[in-house]
Amino acid sequence: MAYVIDDTCIACGACVTECPVEAIAEGDPIYTIDAENCIDCGACSTVCPVEAPKPE
């Protein structure tokens, strides 16, 4: 099961550098997670200041 980023995302980019498989990309207006590449590690969620990434 992959993580998804909800609309509370403030597009700070903190999650991008934490993703070990580079599954997170800048979107418009919020970041997005490629479900096919996400390994469900939760690293993005632990660094997000608004807890936007959540398990799908």
PDB file of N, CA and C in Angstrom:
ATOM      1  N   MET A   1       0.842  -1.176   0.000  1.00  0.00           N
ATOM      2  CA  MET A   1       0.000   0.000   0.000  1.00  0.00           C
ATOM      3  C   MET A   1       0.891   1.243   0.000  1.00  0.00           C
ATOM      4  N   ALA A   2       0.624   2.159  -0.846  1.00  0.00           N
ATOM      5  CA  ALA A   2       1.431   3.371  -0.997  1.00  0.00           C
ATOM      6  C   ALA A   2       0.926   4.501  -0.114  1.00  0.00           C
ATOM      7  N   TYR A   3       1.766   5.482   0.056  1.00  0.00           N
ATOM      8  CA  TYR A   3       1.359   6.707   0.736  1.00  0.00           C
ATOM      9  C   TYR A   3       0.806   7.669  -0.303  1.00  0.00           C
ATOM     10  N   VAL A   4      -0.059   8.570   0.144  1.00  0.00           N
ATOM     11  CA  VAL A   4      -0.588   9.636  -0.696  1.00  0.00           C
ATOM     12  C   VAL A   4      -0.439  10.942   0.079  1.00  0.00           C
ATOM     13  N   ILE A   5      -0.335  12.044  -0.643  1.00  0.00           N
ATOM     14  CA  ILE A   5      -0.223  13.352  -0.015  1.00  0.00           C
ATOM     15  C   ILE A   5      -1.562  14.056  -0.148  1.00  0.00           C
ATOM     16  N   ASP A   6      -2.119  14.461   0.999  1.00  0.00           N
ATOM     17  CA  ASP A   6      -3.437  15.110   0.950  1.00  0.00           C
ATOM     18  C   ASP A   6      -3.303  16.618   0.749  1.00  0.00           C
ATOM     19  N   ASP A   7      -4.427  17.296   0.699  1.00  0.00           N
ATOM     20  CA  ASP A   7      -4.424  18.717   0.348  1.00  0.00           C
ATOM     21  C   ASP A   7      -3.947  19.645   1.458  1.00  0.00           C
ATOM     22  N   THR A   8      -3.493  19.090   2.584  1.00  0.00           N
ATOM     23  CA  THR A   8      -2.891  19.929   3.616  1.00  0.00           C
ATOM     24  C   THR A   8      -1.428  20.241   3.302  1.00  0.00           C
ATOM     25  N   CYS A   9      -0.901  19.640   2.250  1.00  0.00           N
ATOM     26  CA  CYS A   9       0.488  19.847   1.817  1.00  0.00           C
ATOM     27  C   CYS A   9       0.754  21.340   1.593  1.00  0.00           C
ATOM     28  N   ILE A  10       1.875  21.816   2.145  1.00  0.00           N
ATOM     29  CA  ILE A  10       2.267  23.218   1.960  1.00  0.00           C
ATOM     30  C   ILE A  10       3.414  23.350   0.956  1.00  0.00           C
ATOM     31  N   ALA A  11       3.726  22.283   0.253  1.00  0.00           N
ATOM     32  CA  ALA A  11       4.751  22.255  -0.799  1.00  0.00           C
ATOM     33  C   ALA A  11       6.104  22.748  -0.305  1.00  0.00           C
ATOM     34  N   CYS A  12       6.495  22.317   0.887  1.00  0.00           N
ATOM     35  CA  CYS A  12       7.785  22.735   1.450  1.00  0.00           C
ATOM     36  C   CYS A  12       8.950  21.919   0.902  1.00  0.00           C
ATOM     37  N   GLY A  13       8.671  20.703   0.422  1.00  0.00           N
ATOM     38  CA  GLY A  13       9.706  19.859  -0.161  1.00  0.00           C
ATOM     39  C   GLY A  13      10.473  18.994   0.823  1.00  0.00           C
ATOM     40  N   ALA A  14      10.137  19.037   2.090  1.00  0.00           N
ATOM     41  CA  ALA A  14      10.850  18.247   3.090  1.00  0.00           C
ATOM     42  C   ALA A  14      10.794  16.752   2.792  1.00  0.00           C
ATOM     43  N   CYS A  15       9.689  16.291   2.258  1.00  0.00           N
ATOM     44  CA  CYS A  15       9.493  14.865   1.990  1.00  0.00           C
ATOM     45  C   CYS A  15      10.352  14.352   0.830  1.00  0.00           C
ATOM     46  N   VAL A  16      10.638  15.209  -0.113  1.00  0.00           N
ATOM     47  CA  VAL A  16      11.343  14.795  -1.334  1.00  0.00           C
ATOM     48  C   VAL A  16      12.708  14.198  -1.018  1.00  0.00           C
ATOM     49  N   THR A  17      13.475  14.860  -0.182  1.00  0.00           N
ATOM     50  CA  THR A  17      14.830  14.383   0.122  1.00  0.00           C
ATOM     51  C   THR A  17      14.833  13.148   1.015  1.00  0.00           C
ATOM     52  N   GLU A  18      13.733  12.888   1.702  1.00  0.00           N
ATOM     53  CA  GLU A  18      13.654  11.721   2.585  1.00  0.00           C
ATOM     54  C   GLU A  18      13.246  10.443   1.880  1.00  0.00           C
ATOM     55  N   CYS A  19      12.647  10.543   0.719  1.00  0.00           N
ATOM     56  CA  CYS A  19      12.159   9.355   0.019  1.00  0.00           C
ATOM     57  C   CYS A  19      13.332   8.553  -0.553  1.00  0.00           C
ATOM     58  N   PRO A  20      13.514   7.318  -0.092  1.00  0.00           N
ATOM     59  CA  PRO A  20      14.653   6.508  -0.555  1.00  0.00           C
ATOM     60  C   PRO A  20      14.521   5.990  -1.989  1.00  0.00           C
ATOM     61  N   VAL A  21      13.317   6.050  -2.549  1.00  0.00           N
ATOM     62  CA  VAL A  21      13.112   5.544  -3.906  1.00  0.00           C
ATOM     63  C   VAL A  21      12.705   6.640  -4.892  1.00  0.00           C
ATOM     64  N   GLU A  22      12.813   7.896  -4.464  1.00  0.00           N
ATOM     65  CA  GLU A  22      12.502   9.045  -5.310  1.00  0.00           C
ATOM     66  C   GLU A  22      11.112   8.965  -5.931  1.00  0.00           C
ATOM     67  N   ALA A  23      10.127   8.602  -5.107  1.00  0.00           N
ATOM     68  CA  ALA A  23       8.753   8.457  -5.578  1.00  0.00           C
ATOM     69  C   ALA A  23       7.945   9.751  -5.470  1.00  0.00           C
ATOM     70  N   ILE A  24       8.539  10.790  -4.892  1.00  0.00           N
ATOM     71  CA  ILE A  24       7.806  12.042  -4.671  1.00  0.00           C
ATOM     72  C   ILE A  24       8.251  13.089  -5.683  1.00  0.00           C
ATOM     73  N   ALA A  25       7.258  13.756  -6.258  1.00  0.00           N
ATOM     74  CA  ALA A  25       7.541  14.787  -7.261  1.00  0.00           C
ATOM     75  C   ALA A  25       6.728  16.042  -6.962  1.00  0.00           C
ATOM     76  N   GLU A  26       7.262  17.176  -7.401  1.00  0.00           N
ATOM     77  CA  GLU A  26       6.555  18.430  -7.239  1.00  0.00           C
ATOM     78  C   GLU A  26       5.360  18.451  -8.170  1.00  0.00           C
ATOM     79  N   GLY A  27       4.214  18.753  -7.612  1.00  0.00           N
ATOM     80  CA  GLY A  27       2.999  18.836  -8.406  1.00  0.00           C
ATOM     81  C   GLY A  27       2.468  20.255  -8.396  1.00  0.00           C
ATOM     82  N   ASP A  28       1.285  20.421  -8.888  1.00  0.00           N
ATOM     83  CA  ASP A  28       0.676  21.739  -8.909  1.00  0.00           C
ATOM     84  C   ASP A  28      -0.710  21.645  -8.319  1.00  0.00           C
ATOM     85  N   PRO A  29      -0.941  22.069  -7.132  1.00  0.00           N
ATOM     86  CA  PRO A  29      -0.099  22.898  -6.268  1.00  0.00           C
ATOM     87  C   PRO A  29       0.633  22.116  -5.176  1.00  0.00           C
ATOM     88  N   ILE A  30       0.360  20.813  -5.014  1.00  0.00           N
ATOM     89  CA  ILE A  30       0.996  20.037  -3.948  1.00  0.00           C
ATOM     90  C   ILE A  30       1.873  18.934  -4.515  1.00  0.00           C
ATOM     91  N   TYR A  31       2.724  18.385  -3.678  1.00  0.00           N
ATOM     92  CA  TYR A  31       3.581  17.274  -4.087  1.00  0.00           C
ATOM     93  C   TYR A  31       2.746  16.010  -4.276  1.00  0.00           C
ATOM     94  N   THR A  32       3.260  15.092  -5.077  1.00  0.00           N
ATOM     95  CA  THR A  32       2.553  13.842  -5.341  1.00  0.00           C
ATOM     96  C   THR A  32       3.502  12.665  -5.130  1.00  0.00           C
ATOM     97  N   ILE A  33       2.933  11.507  -4.844  1.00  0.00           N
ATOM     98  CA  ILE A  33       3.702  10.278  -4.659  1.00  0.00           C
ATOM     99  C   ILE A  33       3.292   9.286  -5.731  1.00  0.00           C
ATOM    100  N   ASP A  34       4.283   8.746  -6.439  1.00  0.00           N
ATOM    101  CA  ASP A  34       4.048   7.729  -7.459  1.00  0.00           C
ATOM    102  C   ASP A  34       3.790   6.407  -6.742  1.00  0.00           C
ATOM    103  N   ALA A  35       2.556   5.941  -6.760  1.00  0.00           N
ATOM    104  CA  ALA A  35       2.155   4.740  -6.032  1.00  0.00           C
ATOM    105  C   ALA A  35       2.913   3.499  -6.485  1.00  0.00           C
ATOM    106  N   GLU A  36       3.318   3.450  -7.731  1.00  0.00           N
ATOM    107  CA  GLU A  36       4.042   2.276  -8.237  1.00  0.00           C
ATOM    108  C   GLU A  36       5.458   2.196  -7.678  1.00  0.00           C
ATOM    109  N   ASN A  37       6.043   3.334  -7.326  1.00  0.00           N
ATOM    110  CA  ASN A  37       7.407   3.346  -6.800  1.00  0.00           C
ATOM    111  C   ASN A  37       7.466   3.402  -5.277  1.00  0.00           C
ATOM    112  N   CYS A  38       6.389   3.845  -4.643  1.00  0.00           N
ATOM    113  CA  CYS A  38       6.362   3.973  -3.189  1.00  0.00           C
ATOM    114  C   CYS A  38       6.519   2.602  -2.531  1.00  0.00           C
ATOM    115  N   ILE A  39       7.417   2.527  -1.530  1.00  0.00           N
ATOM    116  CA  ILE A  39       7.655   1.261  -0.826  1.00  0.00           C
ATOM    117  C   ILE A  39       7.005   1.251   0.558  1.00  0.00           C
ATOM    118  N   ASP A  40       6.155   2.241   0.841  1.00  0.00           N
ATOM    119  CA  ASP A  40       5.386   2.280   2.084  1.00  0.00           C
ATOM    120  C   ASP A  40       6.276   2.346   3.325  1.00  0.00           C
ATOM    121  N   CYS A  41       7.389   3.082   3.233  1.00  0.00           N
ATOM    122  CA  CYS A  41       8.310   3.161   4.368  1.00  0.00           C
ATOM    123  C   CYS A  41       7.910   4.218   5.386  1.00  0.00           C
ATOM    124  N   GLY A  42       7.163   5.246   4.957  1.00  0.00           N
ATOM    125  CA  GLY A  42       6.712   6.285   5.862  1.00  0.00           C
ATOM    126  C   GLY A  42       7.721   7.378   6.155  1.00  0.00           C
ATOM    127  N   ALA A  43       8.868   7.357   5.492  1.00  0.00           N
ATOM    128  CA  ALA A  43       9.899   8.377   5.728  1.00  0.00           C
ATOM    129  C   ALA A  43       9.372   9.775   5.427  1.00  0.00           C
ATOM    130  N   CYS A  44       8.558   9.900   4.417  1.00  0.00           N
ATOM    131  CA  CYS A  44       7.992  11.202   4.046  1.00  0.00           C
ATOM    132  C   CYS A  44       7.087  11.741   5.145  1.00  0.00           C
ATOM    133  N   SER A  45       6.339  10.870   5.744  1.00  0.00           N
ATOM    134  CA  SER A  45       5.381  11.261   6.769  1.00  0.00           C
ATOM    135  C   SER A  45       6.070  11.769   8.032  1.00  0.00           C
ATOM    136  N   THR A  46       7.198  11.182   8.361  1.00  0.00           N
ATOM    137  CA  THR A  46       7.879  11.554   9.609  1.00  0.00           C
ATOM    138  C   THR A  46       8.509  12.942   9.556  1.00  0.00           C
ATOM    139  N   VAL A  47       8.822  13.444   8.376  1.00  0.00           N
ATOM    140  CA  VAL A  47       9.451  14.769   8.268  1.00  0.00           C
ATOM    141  C   VAL A  47       8.482  15.879   7.863  1.00  0.00           C
ATOM    142  N   CYS A  48       7.280  15.528   7.506  1.00  0.00           N
ATOM    143  CA  CYS A  48       6.315  16.524   7.040  1.00  0.00           C
ATOM    144  C   CYS A  48       5.801  17.367   8.210  1.00  0.00           C
ATOM    145  N   PRO A  49       5.920  18.707   8.107  1.00  0.00           N
ATOM    146  CA  PRO A  49       5.464  19.562   9.212  1.00  0.00           C
ATOM    147  C   PRO A  49       3.945  19.623   9.362  1.00  0.00           C
ATOM    148  N   VAL A  50       3.197  19.216   8.342  1.00  0.00           N
ATOM    149  CA  VAL A  50       1.730  19.248   8.432  1.00  0.00           C
ATOM    150  C   VAL A  50       1.102  17.862   8.310  1.00  0.00           C
ATOM    151  N   GLU A  51       1.932  16.814   8.348  1.00  0.00           N
ATOM    152  CA  GLU A  51       1.478  15.428   8.272  1.00  0.00           C
ATOM    153  C   GLU A  51       0.599  15.151   7.058  1.00  0.00           C
ATOM    154  N   ALA A  52       0.993  15.689   5.904  1.00  0.00           N
ATOM    155  CA  ALA A  52       0.215  15.505   4.673  1.00  0.00           C
ATOM    156  C   ALA A  52       0.307  14.088   4.091  1.00  0.00           C
ATOM    157  N   PRO A  53       1.488  13.442   4.094  1.00  0.00           N
ATOM    158  CA  PRO A  53       1.524  12.072   3.564  1.00  0.00           C
ATOM    159  C   PRO A  53       0.843  11.087   4.522  1.00  0.00           C
ATOM    160  N   LYS A  54      -0.050  10.310   3.968  1.00  0.00           N
ATOM    161  CA  LYS A  54      -0.796   9.321   4.763  1.00  0.00           C
ATOM    162  C   LYS A  54      -0.836   7.998   4.007  1.00  0.00           C
ATOM    163  N   PRO A  55      -0.937   6.873   4.736  1.00  0.00           N
ATOM    164  CA  PRO A  55      -1.101   5.590   4.045  1.00  0.00           C
ATOM    165  C   PRO A  55      -2.396   5.609   3.243  1.00  0.00           C
ATOM    166  N   GLU A  56      -2.339   5.061   2.064  1.00  0.00           N
ATOM    167  CA  GLU A  56      -3.517   5.036   1.166  1.00  0.00           C
ATOM    168  C   GLU A  56      -4.596   4.129   1.719  1.00  0.00           C
TER     169      GLU A  56
END
